[in-house]
């Protein structure tokens, strides 16, 4: 192998590998023990391919390393490096508690965090707890969030919780501490581990924001490589044509919020079905004016049509998130009942 004699050409992984080889097996093993598996794999592979390194380069590496650890320059902190450091000085339960505090749902206190947990997730957990425990939790979180949780609990169980809350006077601190400890250890710690977003949902959202031609290109390429994933992504995507599943109330809600300059552009390039749906939910006068606007604008660039349609789709999603309209299943398998 060719001797490496240009220090500037070394990568970070090569520097790390070279340093570990230079400090001896005993010290290197201690350093490896503090690394993650992927870090060990990368450095090991780099070591195997390092070849011969000149003494000048090794000397330069140690000078840089000594300068680095003796200076007050910048440092990079991560969740993983913080956790490894804490594990050296604290027991695991204490470290888990601290890491949950900095990793978990947003909020300063335990109860702030619970108020930021999705109500269906929280209700699903609480329905298996004692009514008295649930009563304590609901009395400590924000009232608007508590109301949404109560609505999702089984009715008989929810009424039992409500009766406990009505009879509850001051809550002893040790009871609150015990409930808080249970929730932190059993609920929030599991939530932090399981809250990773589904990759298919993320890809569907990204594809939704591509222009039509690019979106189709990516979908086709994905179908060629993994048809199952492509079908799942397509089922999660919400397109302009899916607005055709809105009920009359939803269409009217959407039209009240849409940019009036974008509506004629979006409908100009829409299918006849979608166009008729929106026109039929307008007054006769407004419908006539919209038709005249579309006729008067002449040919419209595809890019402008797609941009206008995407703005309507995004608005529909925002309104759905607020509960102001309902978006039907994008697969078309579920019929909505109002």
Protein backbone atom coordinates (compact mmCIF):
# COMPACT_ATOMS: atom_id res chain seq x y z
CA UNK A 1 0.00 0.00 0.00
CA UNK A 2 1.07 3.54 -0.69
CA UNK A 3 2.50 5.43 2.26
CA UNK A 4 0.34 8.31 3.47
CA UNK A 5 2.53 11.36 3.88
CA UNK A 6 0.03 14.22 3.38
CA UNK A 7 -1.66 15.05 6.68
CA UNK A 8 -4.20 17.34 4.99
CA UNK A 9 -5.65 14.41 3.03
CA UNK A 10 -6.64 12.44 6.16
CA UNK A 11 -10.36 12.14 6.91
CA UNK A 12 -11.78 12.36 10.43
CA UNK A 13 -12.27 8.59 10.55
CA UNK A 14 -8.67 8.03 9.45
CA UNK A 15 -7.39 10.38 12.16
CA UNK A 16 -9.45 8.53 14.79
CA UNK A 17 -8.26 5.13 13.53
CA UNK A 18 -4.64 6.25 13.50
CA UNK A 19 -4.89 7.67 17.01
CA UNK A 20 -6.39 4.43 18.37
CA UNK A 21 -3.65 2.37 16.72
CA UNK A 22 -1.02 4.64 18.26
CA UNK A 23 -2.18 4.54 21.91
CA UNK A 24 -1.83 0.77 22.34
CA UNK A 25 -4.29 -2.11 22.65
CA UNK A 26 -5.25 -1.56 26.30
CA UNK A 27 -6.13 2.14 25.87
CA UNK A 28 -7.78 1.52 22.50
CA UNK A 29 -10.03 -1.20 24.00
CA UNK A 30 -11.22 1.24 26.70
CA UNK A 31 -12.05 3.83 24.04
CA UNK A 32 -13.85 1.25 21.88
CA UNK A 33 -15.97 0.28 24.90
CA UNK A 34 -17.41 3.80 24.99
CA UNK A 35 -18.42 3.82 21.31
CA UNK A 36 -21.58 2.74 19.51
CA UNK A 37 -21.51 -0.27 17.20
CA UNK A 38 -21.70 1.86 14.05
CA UNK A 39 -18.73 3.97 15.23
CA UNK A 40 -16.70 0.82 15.96
CA UNK A 41 -17.53 -0.61 12.52
CA UNK A 42 -16.53 2.58 10.71
CA UNK A 43 -13.23 3.00 12.56
CA UNK A 44 -12.39 -0.72 12.26
CA UNK A 45 -12.97 -0.68 8.52
CA UNK A 46 -10.86 2.47 8.23
CA UNK A 47 -8.05 0.85 10.25
CA UNK A 48 -8.04 -2.18 7.94
CA UNK A 49 -7.62 0.04 4.88
CA UNK A 50 -5.25 2.60 6.38
CA UNK A 51 -2.03 1.21 4.93
CA UNK A 52 1.35 2.71 5.85
CA UNK A 53 1.42 6.16 7.46
CA UNK A 54 4.64 8.16 7.72
CA UNK A 55 6.09 9.14 11.09
CA UNK A 56 5.70 12.82 10.17
CA UNK A 57 1.93 12.41 9.75
CA UNK A 58 1.64 10.55 13.09
CA UNK A 59 3.59 13.32 14.84
CA UNK A 60 1.38 15.99 13.24
CA UNK A 61 -1.74 14.09 14.42
CA UNK A 62 -0.57 14.05 18.04
CA UNK A 63 0.30 17.75 17.96
CA UNK A 64 -3.19 18.56 16.66
CA UNK A 65 -4.81 16.25 19.21
CA UNK A 66 -2.86 17.82 22.10
CA UNK A 67 -3.76 21.30 20.90
CA UNK A 68 -7.40 20.29 20.60
CA UNK A 69 -7.84 18.92 24.10
CA UNK A 70 -5.87 21.73 25.73
CA UNK A 71 -7.75 24.56 24.01
CA UNK A 72 -11.16 25.94 24.86
CA UNK A 73 -12.43 25.52 21.33
CA UNK A 74 -15.85 24.30 20.30
CA UNK A 75 -17.26 20.94 21.38
CA UNK A 76 -20.10 18.91 19.88
CA UNK A 77 -22.64 17.43 22.26
CA UNK A 78 -25.23 14.77 21.40
CA UNK A 79 -27.89 12.85 23.33
CA UNK A 80 -25.69 9.75 23.08
CA UNK A 81 -22.47 11.38 24.32
CA UNK A 82 -24.36 13.03 27.20
CA UNK A 83 -25.93 9.71 28.20
CA UNK A 84 -22.56 7.91 28.11
CA UNK A 85 -21.00 10.60 30.32
CA UNK A 86 -23.87 10.47 32.85
CA UNK A 87 -23.69 6.66 33.04
CA UNK A 88 -20.14 6.99 34.42
CA UNK A 89 -21.26 8.97 37.46
CA UNK A 90 -24.95 8.08 38.06
CA UNK A 91 -27.02 4.90 38.33
CA UNK A 92 -29.11 3.88 35.29
CA UNK A 93 -32.54 4.83 36.74
CA UNK A 94 -31.31 8.38 37.45
CA UNK A 95 -29.75 8.66 33.99
CA UNK A 96 -32.99 7.40 32.37
CA UNK A 97 -34.93 10.03 34.30
CA UNK A 98 -32.60 12.86 33.23
CA UNK A 99 -32.53 11.72 29.59
CA UNK A 100 -36.33 11.44 29.52
CA UNK A 101 -36.51 15.03 30.74
CA UNK A 102 -34.37 16.31 27.87
CA UNK A 103 -35.59 13.87 25.21
CA UNK A 104 -39.30 13.61 26.01
CA UNK A 105 -42.25 15.69 24.77
CA UNK A 106 -41.78 19.45 25.05
CA UNK A 107 -42.36 21.01 28.46
CA UNK A 108 -40.55 22.01 31.64
CA UNK A 109 -42.42 19.88 34.14
CA UNK A 110 -43.82 16.36 34.00
CA UNK A 111 -47.34 17.75 33.67
CA UNK A 112 -46.33 20.14 30.89
CA UNK A 113 -45.00 17.12 29.03
CA UNK A 114 -48.22 15.16 29.48
CA UNK A 115 -50.20 18.12 28.16
CA UNK A 116 -48.20 17.85 24.94
CA UNK A 117 -48.83 14.12 24.46
CA UNK A 118 -51.47 13.27 21.84
CA UNK A 119 -54.80 12.79 23.67
CA UNK A 120 -55.56 9.41 22.06
CA UNK A 121 -52.13 8.08 23.12
CA UNK A 122 -52.61 9.33 26.68
CA UNK A 123 -56.21 8.04 26.90
CA UNK A 124 -55.13 4.63 25.60
CA UNK A 125 -52.59 4.39 28.43
CA UNK A 126 -54.81 5.81 31.20
CA UNK A 127 -57.79 3.53 30.48
CA UNK A 128 -55.78 0.67 32.02
CA UNK A 129 -54.90 2.61 35.21
CA UNK A 130 -56.85 2.95 38.46
CA UNK A 131 -59.58 5.64 38.32
CA UNK A 132 -57.93 7.45 41.23
CA UNK A 133 -54.62 7.62 39.33
CA UNK A 134 -56.39 8.99 36.23
CA UNK A 135 -58.20 11.52 38.40
CA UNK A 136 -54.85 12.80 39.73
CA UNK A 137 -53.41 13.04 36.21
CA UNK A 138 -56.43 14.89 34.77
CA UNK A 139 -56.43 17.32 37.68
CA UNK A 140 -52.79 18.23 36.99
CA UNK A 141 -52.75 18.66 33.18
CA UNK A 142 -54.29 21.53 31.21
CA UNK A 143 -58.09 21.48 31.34
CA UNK A 144 -58.61 21.67 27.57
CA UNK A 145 -56.32 18.67 27.09
CA UNK A 146 -57.99 16.81 29.97
CA UNK A 147 -61.40 17.30 28.33
CA UNK A 148 -60.20 15.68 25.10
CA UNK A 149 -58.74 12.75 27.06
CA UNK A 150 -61.97 12.22 29.04
CA UNK A 151 -63.96 12.14 25.80
CA UNK A 152 -61.82 9.23 24.55
CA UNK A 153 -62.06 7.10 27.72
CA UNK A 154 -64.75 4.36 27.99
CA UNK A 155 -67.85 6.16 29.25
CA UNK A 156 -68.40 4.19 32.48
CA UNK A 157 -64.71 4.46 33.36
CA UNK A 158 -64.69 8.20 32.52
CA UNK A 159 -67.66 8.81 34.87
CA UNK A 160 -65.89 6.92 37.64
CA UNK A 161 -62.87 9.20 37.12
CA UNK A 162 -65.08 12.31 37.14
CA UNK A 163 -66.70 11.21 40.44
CA UNK A 164 -63.22 10.69 41.96
CA UNK A 165 -62.23 14.17 40.82
CA UNK A 166 -65.37 15.68 42.39
CA UNK A 167 -64.64 13.97 45.72
CA UNK A 168 -60.95 14.78 45.60
CA UNK A 169 -59.73 17.51 47.95
CA UNK A 170 -56.05 18.29 48.40
CA UNK A 171 -53.75 15.64 46.97
CA UNK A 172 -50.94 14.48 49.21
CA UNK A 173 -47.48 15.16 47.81
CA UNK A 174 -46.36 11.55 48.14
CA UNK A 175 -49.37 10.44 46.02
CA UNK A 176 -48.47 12.95 43.30
CA UNK A 177 -44.81 11.89 43.46
CA UNK A 178 -45.81 8.23 43.14
CA UNK A 179 -48.06 8.89 40.12
CA UNK A 180 -45.38 11.08 38.55
CA UNK A 181 -42.74 8.39 39.03
CA UNK A 182 -44.96 5.71 37.47
CA UNK A 183 -45.81 7.86 34.47
CA UNK A 184 -42.18 8.81 33.91
CA UNK A 185 -40.85 5.26 34.19
CA UNK A 186 -43.65 3.36 32.42
CA UNK A 187 -45.22 5.84 30.02
CA UNK A 188 -42.98 8.71 28.94
CA UNK A 189 -39.84 6.58 28.71
CA UNK A 190 -41.67 4.13 26.40
CA UNK A 191 -43.17 7.04 24.47
CA UNK A 192 -39.73 8.54 23.83
CA UNK A 193 -38.54 5.20 22.45
CA UNK A 194 -41.62 4.62 20.28
CA UNK A 195 -42.24 8.14 18.97
CA UNK A 196 -40.09 7.76 15.85
CA UNK A 197 -42.09 8.92 12.88
CA UNK A 198 -43.15 6.34 10.30
CA UNK A 199 -40.82 6.62 7.31
CA UNK A 200 -43.63 6.02 4.81
CA UNK A 201 -45.58 9.00 6.23
CA UNK A 202 -42.51 11.20 5.93
CA UNK A 203 -41.89 10.17 2.30
CA UNK A 204 -45.57 10.67 1.43
CA UNK A 205 -45.42 14.21 2.82
CA UNK A 206 -42.23 14.95 0.85
CA UNK A 207 -43.70 13.53 -2.37
CA UNK A 208 -46.87 15.59 -1.82
CA UNK A 209 -44.80 18.75 -2.07
CA UNK A 210 -43.05 17.85 -5.33
CA UNK A 211 -44.31 19.08 -8.68
CA UNK A 212 -46.40 16.50 -10.56
CA UNK A 213 -43.69 15.39 -13.00
CA UNK A 214 -41.01 14.94 -10.31
CA UNK A 215 -43.46 13.19 -7.99
CA UNK A 216 -44.41 10.69 -10.71
CA UNK A 217 -40.75 10.07 -11.51
CA UNK A 218 -39.97 9.23 -7.90
CA UNK A 219 -43.08 7.07 -7.48
CA UNK A 220 -42.21 5.09 -10.62
CA UNK A 221 -38.61 4.61 -9.45
CA UNK A 222 -39.83 3.47 -6.02
CA UNK A 223 -42.28 1.01 -7.61
CA UNK A 224 -39.40 -0.56 -9.53
CA UNK A 225 -37.33 -1.03 -6.37
CA UNK A 226 -39.96 -1.82 -3.73
CA UNK A 227 -43.56 -2.11 -4.87
CA UNK A 228 -44.96 -2.66 -1.35
CA UNK A 229 -43.36 0.54 -0.04
CA UNK A 230 -44.52 2.45 -3.12
CA UNK A 231 -48.12 1.34 -2.58
CA UNK A 232 -47.99 2.31 1.11
CA UNK A 233 -46.55 5.74 0.29
CA UNK A 234 -49.21 6.32 -2.40
CA UNK A 235 -51.97 5.34 0.04
CA UNK A 236 -50.70 7.94 2.53
CA UNK A 237 -50.43 10.78 0.02
CA UNK A 238 -53.23 13.34 -0.13
CA UNK A 239 -53.62 14.96 -3.53
CA UNK A 240 -55.73 17.69 -5.04
CA UNK A 241 -58.06 15.05 -6.53
CA UNK A 242 -58.75 13.79 -2.99
CA UNK A 243 -60.55 17.09 -2.32
CA UNK A 244 -63.35 15.51 -4.37
CA UNK A 245 -64.14 13.40 -1.27
CA UNK A 246 -65.04 16.49 0.79
CA UNK A 247 -68.66 16.92 1.80
CA UNK A 248 -70.47 20.21 0.91
CA UNK A 249 -69.69 21.69 4.34
CA UNK A 250 -66.01 20.87 3.93
CA UNK A 251 -65.89 22.43 0.46
CA UNK A 252 -67.48 25.63 1.75
CA UNK A 253 -65.11 25.77 4.73
CA UNK A 254 -62.14 25.36 2.40
CA UNK A 255 -63.38 28.05 0.00
CA UNK A 256 -63.80 30.55 2.84
CA UNK A 257 -60.12 30.24 3.69
CA UNK A 258 -58.56 29.85 0.25
CA UNK A 259 -56.67 32.67 -1.47
CA UNK A 260 -59.23 34.05 -3.96
CA UNK A 261 -56.52 34.59 -6.59
CA UNK A 262 -55.48 30.91 -6.43
CA UNK A 263 -58.94 29.30 -6.67
CA UNK A 264 -59.56 30.05 -10.40
CA UNK A 265 -55.99 28.98 -11.28
CA UNK A 266 -56.36 25.71 -9.32
CA UNK A 267 -59.75 24.89 -10.86
CA UNK A 268 -58.58 25.85 -14.36
CA UNK A 269 -56.38 22.74 -14.34
CA UNK A 270 -58.74 20.53 -12.32
CA UNK A 271 -60.84 17.62 -13.52
CA UNK A 272 -64.44 18.36 -14.43
CA UNK A 273 -65.62 16.46 -11.34
CA UNK A 274 -63.60 18.64 -8.95
CA UNK A 275 -64.52 21.82 -10.78
CA UNK A 276 -68.25 20.98 -10.66
CA UNK A 277 -67.98 20.12 -6.94
CA UNK A 278 -66.62 23.58 -6.07
CA UNK A 279 -68.93 25.47 -8.45
CA UNK A 280 -72.01 23.67 -7.13
CA UNK A 281 -71.18 24.79 -3.58
CA UNK A 282 -71.16 28.49 -4.53
CA UNK A 283 -73.98 30.92 -5.08
CA UNK A 284 -75.12 31.29 -8.68
CA UNK A 285 -73.56 34.75 -8.91
CA UNK A 286 -70.20 33.65 -7.41
CA UNK A 287 -70.14 30.58 -9.66
CA UNK A 288 -70.73 32.73 -12.74
CA UNK A 289 -67.96 35.16 -11.75
CA UNK A 290 -65.50 32.31 -11.16
CA UNK A 291 -66.26 30.81 -14.59
CA UNK A 292 -65.68 34.22 -16.18
CA UNK A 293 -62.36 34.59 -14.31
CA UNK A 294 -61.18 31.19 -15.58
CA UNK A 295 -62.22 31.99 -19.16
CA UNK A 296 -60.55 35.41 -19.08
CA UNK A 297 -57.16 34.17 -17.89
CA UNK A 298 -56.51 32.13 -21.05
CA UNK A 299 -53.76 29.47 -21.01
CA UNK A 300 -52.15 28.93 -17.59
CA UNK A 301 -48.70 27.50 -16.89
CA UNK A 302 -48.78 23.98 -15.43
CA UNK A 303 -46.38 25.11 -12.69
CA UNK A 304 -48.83 27.85 -11.59
CA UNK A 305 -51.75 25.39 -11.57
CA UNK A 306 -49.82 22.88 -9.45
CA UNK A 307 -48.72 25.59 -7.02
CA UNK A 308 -52.32 26.84 -6.61
CA UNK A 309 -53.64 23.30 -6.14
CA UNK A 310 -50.94 22.47 -3.59
CA UNK A 311 -51.82 25.59 -1.57
CA UNK A 312 -55.43 24.35 -1.41
CA UNK A 313 -54.30 20.86 -0.34
CA UNK A 314 -52.09 22.31 2.42
CA UNK A 315 -54.94 24.54 3.61
CA UNK A 316 -57.28 21.51 3.69
CA UNK A 317 -54.74 19.65 5.86
CA UNK A 318 -54.43 22.61 8.24
CA UNK A 319 -58.22 22.89 8.58
CA UNK A 320 -58.49 19.13 9.13
CA UNK A 321 -55.85 19.33 11.88
CA UNK A 322 -57.98 21.99 13.58
CA UNK A 323 -61.09 19.81 13.23
CA UNK A 324 -62.82 22.28 10.92
CA UNK A 325 -63.27 19.74 8.11
CA UNK A 326 -62.79 16.00 7.61
CA UNK A 327 -60.48 14.50 4.99
CA UNK A 328 -61.59 11.08 3.76
CA UNK A 329 -59.20 8.13 3.66
CA UNK A 330 -56.88 8.73 0.72
CA UNK A 331 -57.21 5.07 -0.29
CA UNK A 332 -60.92 5.62 -0.87
CA UNK A 333 -61.75 2.55 1.24
CA UNK A 334 -63.49 4.30 4.11
CA UNK A 335 -66.78 6.04 3.68
CA UNK A 336 -67.39 8.97 6.02
CA UNK A 337 -70.57 9.12 8.09
CA UNK A 338 -71.64 12.55 9.30
